[in-house]
Amino acid sequence: MRYDIAQRTKALHEHVRNRLGRTITFNRFKNEVYDAEEGTTYVYWEQPSFKCSSIYEASTKNIADHEGVVRQGDLMFVFAASDLSQQTGTDAAGRSDIGKPKPGDTITYDGNEYDIDLGDGARSMLAWLDPSEVIWHCVARRRD
């Protein structure tokens, strides 16, 4: 029986996630609404909660590799691609958001909000699939 790398990666990720995973809420951004009394509020079309297999602080190598976009204190969230690809919906412009993080999305973890956009929109978003396309690695910065 053939057992390819994607199946192995998925099995390992699920094992680690089930044993050691921490729950996050992935807030899928739809649009902003301005209210004179409340100010600007964000509208999310979906806010799924799921477990990450790993959450860790960005290393000095991450910072050096990404030419200063990543800063000390940024967190790396590692989660299954299927956690996002199972979600369906469209953003304010009518574009499908199935399966990938995008600017405006945030992560809620341990009572704190983390921005995926590290600066100027998609150019400073650091989110990538592993080569087997099973796991997302997503860098996020805590909101102050």
N, C-alpha and C. Protein backbone atom coordinates (compact mmCIF):
# COMPACT_ATOMS: atom_id res chain seq x y z
N MET A 1 0.84 -1.19 0.00
CA MET A 1 0.00 0.00 0.00
C MET A 1 0.88 1.25 0.00
N ARG A 2 0.59 2.16 -0.88
CA ARG A 2 1.38 3.39 -1.01
C ARG A 2 0.85 4.43 -0.03
N TYR A 3 1.76 5.08 0.67
CA TYR A 3 1.40 6.08 1.67
C TYR A 3 2.18 7.34 1.36
N ASP A 4 1.58 8.28 0.63
CA ASP A 4 2.33 9.43 0.15
C ASP A 4 2.60 10.47 1.26
N ILE A 5 3.43 11.44 0.92
CA ILE A 5 3.88 12.44 1.89
C ILE A 5 2.73 13.26 2.45
N ALA A 6 1.72 13.58 1.64
CA ALA A 6 0.58 14.35 2.13
C ALA A 6 -0.18 13.58 3.21
N GLN A 7 -0.36 12.28 3.00
CA GLN A 7 -1.04 11.47 4.01
C GLN A 7 -0.22 11.40 5.30
N ARG A 8 1.08 11.27 5.18
CA ARG A 8 1.95 11.23 6.37
C ARG A 8 1.91 12.56 7.10
N THR A 9 2.00 13.65 6.35
CA THR A 9 1.96 14.97 6.96
C THR A 9 0.64 15.19 7.69
N LYS A 10 -0.45 14.82 7.05
CA LYS A 10 -1.77 14.98 7.66
C LYS A 10 -1.90 14.14 8.93
N ALA A 11 -1.44 12.90 8.88
CA ALA A 11 -1.53 12.02 10.04
C ALA A 11 -0.71 12.56 11.21
N LEU A 12 0.51 13.03 10.94
CA LEU A 12 1.36 13.59 11.99
C LEU A 12 0.74 14.85 12.56
N HIS A 13 0.26 15.74 11.69
CA HIS A 13 -0.37 16.98 12.14
C HIS A 13 -1.57 16.67 13.04
N GLU A 14 -2.43 15.76 12.64
CA GLU A 14 -3.60 15.42 13.43
C GLU A 14 -3.24 14.82 14.77
N HIS A 15 -2.20 13.99 14.78
CA HIS A 15 -1.75 13.39 16.04
C HIS A 15 -1.27 14.47 17.02
N VAL A 16 -0.41 15.36 16.53
CA VAL A 16 0.12 16.42 17.38
C VAL A 16 -1.00 17.37 17.81
N ARG A 17 -1.87 17.74 16.89
CA ARG A 17 -2.98 18.64 17.20
C ARG A 17 -3.90 18.04 18.28
N ASN A 18 -4.21 16.77 18.15
CA ASN A 18 -5.09 16.14 19.14
C ASN A 18 -4.45 16.01 20.51
N ARG A 19 -3.13 15.84 20.55
CA ARG A 19 -2.42 15.67 21.83
C ARG A 19 -2.03 17.00 22.46
N LEU A 20 -1.56 17.93 21.66
CA LEU A 20 -0.96 19.15 22.20
C LEU A 20 -1.59 20.45 21.69
N GLY A 21 -2.55 20.35 20.79
CA GLY A 21 -3.08 21.52 20.11
C GLY A 21 -3.75 22.53 21.02
N ARG A 22 -3.72 23.77 20.57
CA ARG A 22 -4.39 24.88 21.26
C ARG A 22 -5.42 25.48 20.33
N THR A 23 -6.56 25.85 20.90
CA THR A 23 -7.66 26.36 20.10
C THR A 23 -7.49 27.83 19.77
N ILE A 24 -7.76 28.16 18.51
CA ILE A 24 -7.79 29.54 18.04
C ILE A 24 -9.14 29.78 17.37
N THR A 25 -9.49 31.04 17.21
CA THR A 25 -10.63 31.41 16.39
C THR A 25 -10.09 32.21 15.21
N PHE A 26 -10.43 31.75 14.02
CA PHE A 26 -9.97 32.41 12.80
C PHE A 26 -11.10 33.29 12.31
N ASN A 27 -10.91 34.59 12.38
CA ASN A 27 -11.95 35.57 12.03
C ASN A 27 -11.82 35.94 10.56
N ARG A 28 -12.78 35.48 9.74
CA ARG A 28 -12.76 35.70 8.30
C ARG A 28 -13.39 37.05 7.96
N PHE A 29 -12.55 38.01 7.61
CA PHE A 29 -12.96 39.39 7.38
C PHE A 29 -13.90 39.53 6.18
N LYS A 30 -14.97 40.29 6.37
CA LYS A 30 -15.89 40.61 5.27
C LYS A 30 -15.77 42.07 4.89
N ASN A 31 -16.00 42.99 5.84
CA ASN A 31 -15.87 44.42 5.55
C ASN A 31 -15.84 45.23 6.84
N GLU A 32 -15.64 46.53 6.69
CA GLU A 32 -15.67 47.47 7.81
C GLU A 32 -16.96 48.26 7.75
N VAL A 33 -17.49 48.58 8.94
CA VAL A 33 -18.69 49.40 9.03
C VAL A 33 -18.37 50.55 9.97
N TYR A 34 -18.73 51.77 9.54
CA TYR A 34 -18.49 52.93 10.40
C TYR A 34 -19.79 53.37 11.04
N ASP A 35 -19.73 53.56 12.36
CA ASP A 35 -20.86 54.06 13.13
C ASP A 35 -20.35 55.28 13.89
N ALA A 36 -21.10 56.38 13.85
CA ALA A 36 -20.66 57.62 14.50
C ALA A 36 -20.41 57.44 15.99
N GLU A 37 -21.20 56.59 16.65
CA GLU A 37 -21.03 56.37 18.09
C GLU A 37 -19.98 55.31 18.40
N GLU A 38 -19.96 54.25 17.63
CA GLU A 38 -19.06 53.12 17.90
C GLU A 38 -17.70 53.25 17.22
N GLY A 39 -17.65 54.04 16.16
CA GLY A 39 -16.43 54.11 15.37
C GLY A 39 -16.42 52.99 14.33
N THR A 40 -15.25 52.63 13.87
CA THR A 40 -15.13 51.57 12.87
C THR A 40 -15.19 50.21 13.54
N THR A 41 -16.04 49.35 13.03
CA THR A 41 -16.12 47.97 13.52
C THR A 41 -15.91 47.04 12.33
N TYR A 42 -15.40 45.87 12.61
CA TYR A 42 -15.14 44.88 11.58
C TYR A 42 -16.27 43.87 11.56
N VAL A 43 -16.67 43.50 10.35
CA VAL A 43 -17.71 42.49 10.18
C VAL A 43 -17.03 41.24 9.63
N TYR A 44 -17.29 40.12 10.26
CA TYR A 44 -16.71 38.85 9.83
C TYR A 44 -17.83 37.97 9.31
N TRP A 45 -17.61 37.31 8.17
CA TRP A 45 -18.64 36.44 7.64
C TRP A 45 -18.56 35.07 8.26
N GLU A 46 -17.48 34.81 8.98
CA GLU A 46 -17.33 33.51 9.61
C GLU A 46 -16.23 33.58 10.66
N GLN A 47 -16.40 32.83 11.74
CA GLN A 47 -15.39 32.81 12.79
C GLN A 47 -15.23 31.38 13.32
N PRO A 48 -14.64 30.49 12.50
CA PRO A 48 -14.47 29.10 12.94
C PRO A 48 -13.39 28.99 14.02
N SER A 49 -13.62 28.09 14.96
CA SER A 49 -12.62 27.77 15.98
C SER A 49 -12.09 26.37 15.70
N PHE A 50 -10.79 26.21 15.82
CA PHE A 50 -10.16 24.91 15.62
C PHE A 50 -8.82 24.88 16.33
N LYS A 51 -8.21 23.71 16.39
CA LYS A 51 -6.92 23.57 17.07
C LYS A 51 -5.76 23.70 16.10
N CYS A 52 -4.73 24.40 16.56
CA CYS A 52 -3.45 24.47 15.84
C CYS A 52 -2.57 23.33 16.37
N SER A 53 -1.73 22.80 15.51
CA SER A 53 -0.78 21.80 15.99
C SER A 53 0.40 22.47 16.67
N SER A 54 0.64 23.74 16.33
CA SER A 54 1.78 24.44 16.91
C SER A 54 1.54 25.95 16.87
N ILE A 55 1.94 26.61 17.95
CA ILE A 55 1.95 28.07 18.02
C ILE A 55 3.28 28.42 18.68
N TYR A 56 4.09 29.20 17.98
CA TYR A 56 5.38 29.55 18.56
C TYR A 56 5.80 30.94 18.12
N GLU A 57 6.72 31.52 18.88
CA GLU A 57 7.20 32.86 18.58
C GLU A 57 8.17 32.82 17.41
N ALA A 58 8.08 33.82 16.54
CA ALA A 58 8.98 33.91 15.38
C ALA A 58 10.43 33.97 15.86
N SER A 59 11.28 33.26 15.16
CA SER A 59 12.70 33.20 15.51
C SER A 59 13.47 34.33 14.84
N THR A 60 14.70 34.52 15.27
CA THR A 60 15.55 35.52 14.62
C THR A 60 15.78 35.16 13.16
N LYS A 61 15.80 33.86 12.84
CA LYS A 61 15.94 33.43 11.45
C LYS A 61 14.71 33.87 10.64
N ASN A 62 13.49 33.70 11.20
CA ASN A 62 12.28 34.18 10.51
C ASN A 62 12.37 35.67 10.25
N ILE A 63 12.85 36.41 11.24
CA ILE A 63 12.96 37.87 11.11
C ILE A 63 13.95 38.22 9.99
N ALA A 64 15.10 37.57 10.00
CA ALA A 64 16.12 37.83 8.97
C ALA A 64 15.64 37.41 7.58
N ASP A 65 15.00 36.24 7.49
CA ASP A 65 14.54 35.72 6.19
C ASP A 65 13.51 36.62 5.53
N HIS A 66 12.72 37.33 6.33
CA HIS A 66 11.63 38.14 5.78
C HIS A 66 11.93 39.64 5.85
N GLU A 67 13.20 39.97 5.92
CA GLU A 67 13.70 41.34 5.79
C GLU A 67 12.96 42.36 6.65
N GLY A 68 12.73 42.00 7.90
CA GLY A 68 12.16 42.95 8.84
C GLY A 68 10.65 43.03 8.86
N VAL A 69 9.95 42.33 7.97
CA VAL A 69 8.49 42.32 8.03
C VAL A 69 8.04 41.62 9.30
N VAL A 70 8.74 40.55 9.64
CA VAL A 70 8.48 39.83 10.88
C VAL A 70 9.26 40.50 12.00
N ARG A 71 8.62 40.70 13.15
CA ARG A 71 9.28 41.33 14.29
C ARG A 71 9.28 40.38 15.48
N GLN A 72 10.15 40.68 16.42
CA GLN A 72 10.18 39.91 17.65
C GLN A 72 8.81 40.00 18.33
N GLY A 73 8.30 38.88 18.78
CA GLY A 73 6.99 38.83 19.41
C GLY A 73 5.88 38.36 18.49
N ASP A 74 6.11 38.36 17.17
CA ASP A 74 5.12 37.82 16.24
C ASP A 74 5.00 36.31 16.48
N LEU A 75 3.81 35.77 16.28
CA LEU A 75 3.59 34.35 16.48
C LEU A 75 3.35 33.64 15.15
N MET A 76 3.79 32.39 15.10
CA MET A 76 3.55 31.51 13.96
C MET A 76 2.45 30.53 14.38
N PHE A 77 1.36 30.51 13.61
CA PHE A 77 0.26 29.59 13.85
C PHE A 77 0.30 28.51 12.77
N VAL A 78 0.29 27.25 13.18
CA VAL A 78 0.36 26.13 12.25
C VAL A 78 -0.93 25.33 12.38
N PHE A 79 -1.70 25.25 11.28
CA PHE A 79 -2.99 24.56 11.33
C PHE A 79 -3.29 23.87 10.00
N ALA A 80 -4.23 22.95 10.04
CA ALA A 80 -4.58 22.17 8.85
C ALA A 80 -5.24 23.05 7.79
N ALA A 81 -4.85 22.86 6.54
CA ALA A 81 -5.47 23.57 5.43
C ALA A 81 -6.96 23.25 5.36
N SER A 82 -7.32 22.06 5.75
CA SER A 82 -8.74 21.67 5.71
C SER A 82 -9.59 22.49 6.67
N ASP A 83 -8.98 23.08 7.70
CA ASP A 83 -9.75 23.91 8.63
C ASP A 83 -10.29 25.16 7.94
N LEU A 84 -9.61 25.64 6.91
CA LEU A 84 -10.10 26.79 6.16
C LEU A 84 -10.82 26.38 4.88
N SER A 85 -10.40 25.30 4.25
CA SER A 85 -11.03 24.92 2.99
C SER A 85 -12.44 24.38 3.18
N GLN A 86 -12.79 24.02 4.41
CA GLN A 86 -14.15 23.56 4.68
C GLN A 86 -15.11 24.74 4.81
N GLN A 87 -14.57 25.92 4.98
CA GLN A 87 -15.40 27.10 5.16
C GLN A 87 -15.80 27.65 3.79
N THR A 88 -16.96 28.27 3.72
CA THR A 88 -17.40 28.84 2.45
C THR A 88 -17.93 30.24 2.67
N GLY A 89 -17.81 31.06 1.66
CA GLY A 89 -18.33 32.42 1.75
C GLY A 89 -17.60 33.33 0.79
N THR A 90 -17.99 34.60 0.79
CA THR A 90 -17.34 35.58 -0.06
C THR A 90 -17.09 36.84 0.75
N ASP A 91 -16.08 37.59 0.33
CA ASP A 91 -15.80 38.86 1.00
C ASP A 91 -16.70 39.95 0.43
N ALA A 92 -16.50 41.19 0.86
CA ALA A 92 -17.35 42.31 0.44
C ALA A 92 -17.32 42.54 -1.07
N ALA A 93 -16.23 42.17 -1.72
CA ALA A 93 -16.11 42.35 -3.16
C ALA A 93 -16.68 41.16 -3.94
N GLY A 94 -17.19 40.15 -3.23
CA GLY A 94 -17.77 38.99 -3.88
C GLY A 94 -16.78 37.92 -4.26
N ARG A 95 -15.53 38.04 -3.80
CA ARG A 95 -14.51 37.04 -4.10
C ARG A 95 -14.62 35.88 -3.12
N SER A 96 -14.41 34.68 -3.60
CA SER A 96 -14.44 33.50 -2.75
C SER A 96 -13.22 33.50 -1.83
N ASP A 97 -13.44 33.13 -0.60
CA ASP A 97 -12.35 33.08 0.37
C ASP A 97 -12.01 31.66 0.78
N ILE A 98 -12.47 30.70 0.04
CA ILE A 98 -12.27 29.32 0.44
C ILE A 98 -10.79 28.98 0.45
N GLY A 99 -10.34 28.50 1.59
CA GLY A 99 -9.04 27.87 1.67
C GLY A 99 -7.80 28.68 1.93
N LYS A 100 -7.89 30.01 2.04
CA LYS A 100 -6.64 30.70 2.32
C LYS A 100 -6.86 31.97 3.14
N PRO A 101 -5.89 32.30 4.00
CA PRO A 101 -5.95 33.55 4.76
C PRO A 101 -5.81 34.73 3.82
N LYS A 102 -6.39 35.88 4.21
CA LYS A 102 -6.30 37.07 3.39
C LYS A 102 -6.20 38.31 4.27
N PRO A 103 -5.80 39.45 3.71
CA PRO A 103 -5.72 40.67 4.51
C PRO A 103 -7.05 40.98 5.18
N GLY A 104 -6.98 41.42 6.42
CA GLY A 104 -8.17 41.72 7.19
C GLY A 104 -8.55 40.59 8.13
N ASP A 105 -8.18 39.35 7.79
CA ASP A 105 -8.45 38.23 8.68
C ASP A 105 -7.63 38.40 9.96
N THR A 106 -8.18 37.94 11.06
CA THR A 106 -7.47 37.99 12.34
C THR A 106 -7.59 36.64 13.03
N ILE A 107 -6.76 36.45 14.03
CA ILE A 107 -6.79 35.24 14.85
C ILE A 107 -6.99 35.67 16.29
N THR A 108 -7.91 35.04 16.97
CA THR A 108 -8.10 35.26 18.40
C THR A 108 -7.49 34.05 19.11
N TYR A 109 -6.53 34.34 19.99
CA TYR A 109 -5.84 33.27 20.71
C TYR A 109 -5.53 33.76 22.13
N ASP A 110 -5.87 32.97 23.10
CA ASP A 110 -5.55 33.25 24.50
C ASP A 110 -6.03 34.64 24.92
N GLY A 111 -7.21 35.04 24.43
CA GLY A 111 -7.80 36.32 24.81
C GLY A 111 -7.24 37.53 24.08
N ASN A 112 -6.33 37.31 23.14
CA ASN A 112 -5.72 38.40 22.38
C ASN A 112 -6.07 38.29 20.91
N GLU A 113 -6.06 39.44 20.24
CA GLU A 113 -6.35 39.49 18.80
C GLU A 113 -5.03 39.66 18.05
N TYR A 114 -4.84 38.87 16.98
CA TYR A 114 -3.63 38.91 16.18
C TYR A 114 -3.98 39.23 14.73
N ASP A 115 -3.29 40.20 14.16
CA ASP A 115 -3.47 40.56 12.75
C ASP A 115 -2.59 39.70 11.87
N ILE A 116 -3.15 39.22 10.78
CA ILE A 116 -2.37 38.45 9.81
C ILE A 116 -1.64 39.40 8.87
N ASP A 117 -2.24 40.55 8.60
CA ASP A 117 -1.62 41.57 7.77
C ASP A 117 -0.56 42.27 8.62
N LEU A 118 0.71 42.10 8.27
CA LEU A 118 1.80 42.64 9.08
C LEU A 118 2.23 44.04 8.64
N GLY A 119 1.46 44.67 7.76
CA GLY A 119 1.87 46.00 7.33
C GLY A 119 0.99 46.61 6.27
N ASP A 120 1.26 46.28 5.01
CA ASP A 120 0.55 46.96 3.92
C ASP A 120 -0.23 45.99 3.04
N GLY A 121 -1.08 45.21 3.62
CA GLY A 121 -1.93 44.31 2.85
C GLY A 121 -1.22 43.04 2.44
N ALA A 122 -1.65 42.46 1.33
CA ALA A 122 -1.19 41.14 0.91
C ALA A 122 0.33 41.05 0.74
N ARG A 123 0.99 42.17 0.43
CA ARG A 123 2.45 42.11 0.25
C ARG A 123 3.18 41.80 1.55
N SER A 124 2.59 42.12 2.68
CA SER A 124 3.26 41.84 3.95
C SER A 124 2.56 40.74 4.73
N MET A 125 1.73 39.97 4.06
CA MET A 125 1.13 38.80 4.70
C MET A 125 2.06 37.62 4.53
N LEU A 126 2.33 36.95 5.62
CA LEU A 126 3.19 35.78 5.55
C LEU A 126 2.36 34.57 5.95
N ALA A 127 1.80 33.91 4.96
CA ALA A 127 1.03 32.70 5.16
C ALA A 127 1.32 31.80 3.97
N TRP A 128 1.75 30.58 4.23
CA TRP A 128 2.08 29.68 3.14
C TRP A 128 1.69 28.26 3.50
N LEU A 129 1.42 27.49 2.45
CA LEU A 129 1.15 26.06 2.60
C LEU A 129 2.47 25.31 2.58
N ASP A 130 2.53 24.22 3.32
CA ASP A 130 3.71 23.37 3.24
C ASP A 130 3.71 22.69 1.86
N PRO A 131 4.83 22.09 1.45
CA PRO A 131 4.89 21.50 0.10
C PRO A 131 3.83 20.44 -0.18
N SER A 132 3.35 19.76 0.84
CA SER A 132 2.31 18.75 0.62
C SER A 132 0.91 19.36 0.56
N GLU A 133 0.80 20.68 0.78
CA GLU A 133 -0.45 21.43 0.76
C GLU A 133 -1.47 20.93 1.79
N VAL A 134 -0.95 20.53 2.94
CA VAL A 134 -1.79 20.01 4.03
C VAL A 134 -1.86 20.98 5.19
N ILE A 135 -0.81 21.78 5.39
CA ILE A 135 -0.69 22.61 6.59
C ILE A 135 -0.40 24.06 6.22
N TRP A 136 -1.15 24.99 6.83
CA TRP A 136 -0.86 26.42 6.72
C TRP A 136 0.11 26.84 7.82
N HIS A 137 1.03 27.69 7.46
CA HIS A 137 1.92 28.38 8.40
C HIS A 137 1.58 29.85 8.25
N CYS A 138 1.18 30.48 9.33
CA CYS A 138 0.68 31.84 9.24
C CYS A 138 1.30 32.70 10.36
N VAL A 139 2.01 33.76 9.97
CA VAL A 139 2.61 34.68 10.93
C VAL A 139 1.58 35.76 11.27
N ALA A 140 1.43 36.06 12.57
CA ALA A 140 0.47 37.08 12.98
C ALA A 140 1.06 37.94 14.09
N ARG A 141 0.59 39.18 14.15
CA ARG A 141 1.09 40.15 15.13
C ARG A 141 -0.03 40.56 16.07
N ARG A 142 0.29 40.57 17.35
CA ARG A 142 -0.69 40.95 18.36
C ARG A 142 -1.09 42.41 18.22
N ARG A 143 -2.39 42.64 18.30
CA ARG A 143 -2.91 44.01 18.26
C ARG A 143 -2.68 44.66 19.60
N ASP A 144 -2.27 45.92 19.56
CA ASP A 144 -2.08 46.65 20.82
C ASP A 144 -3.31 47.43 21.18
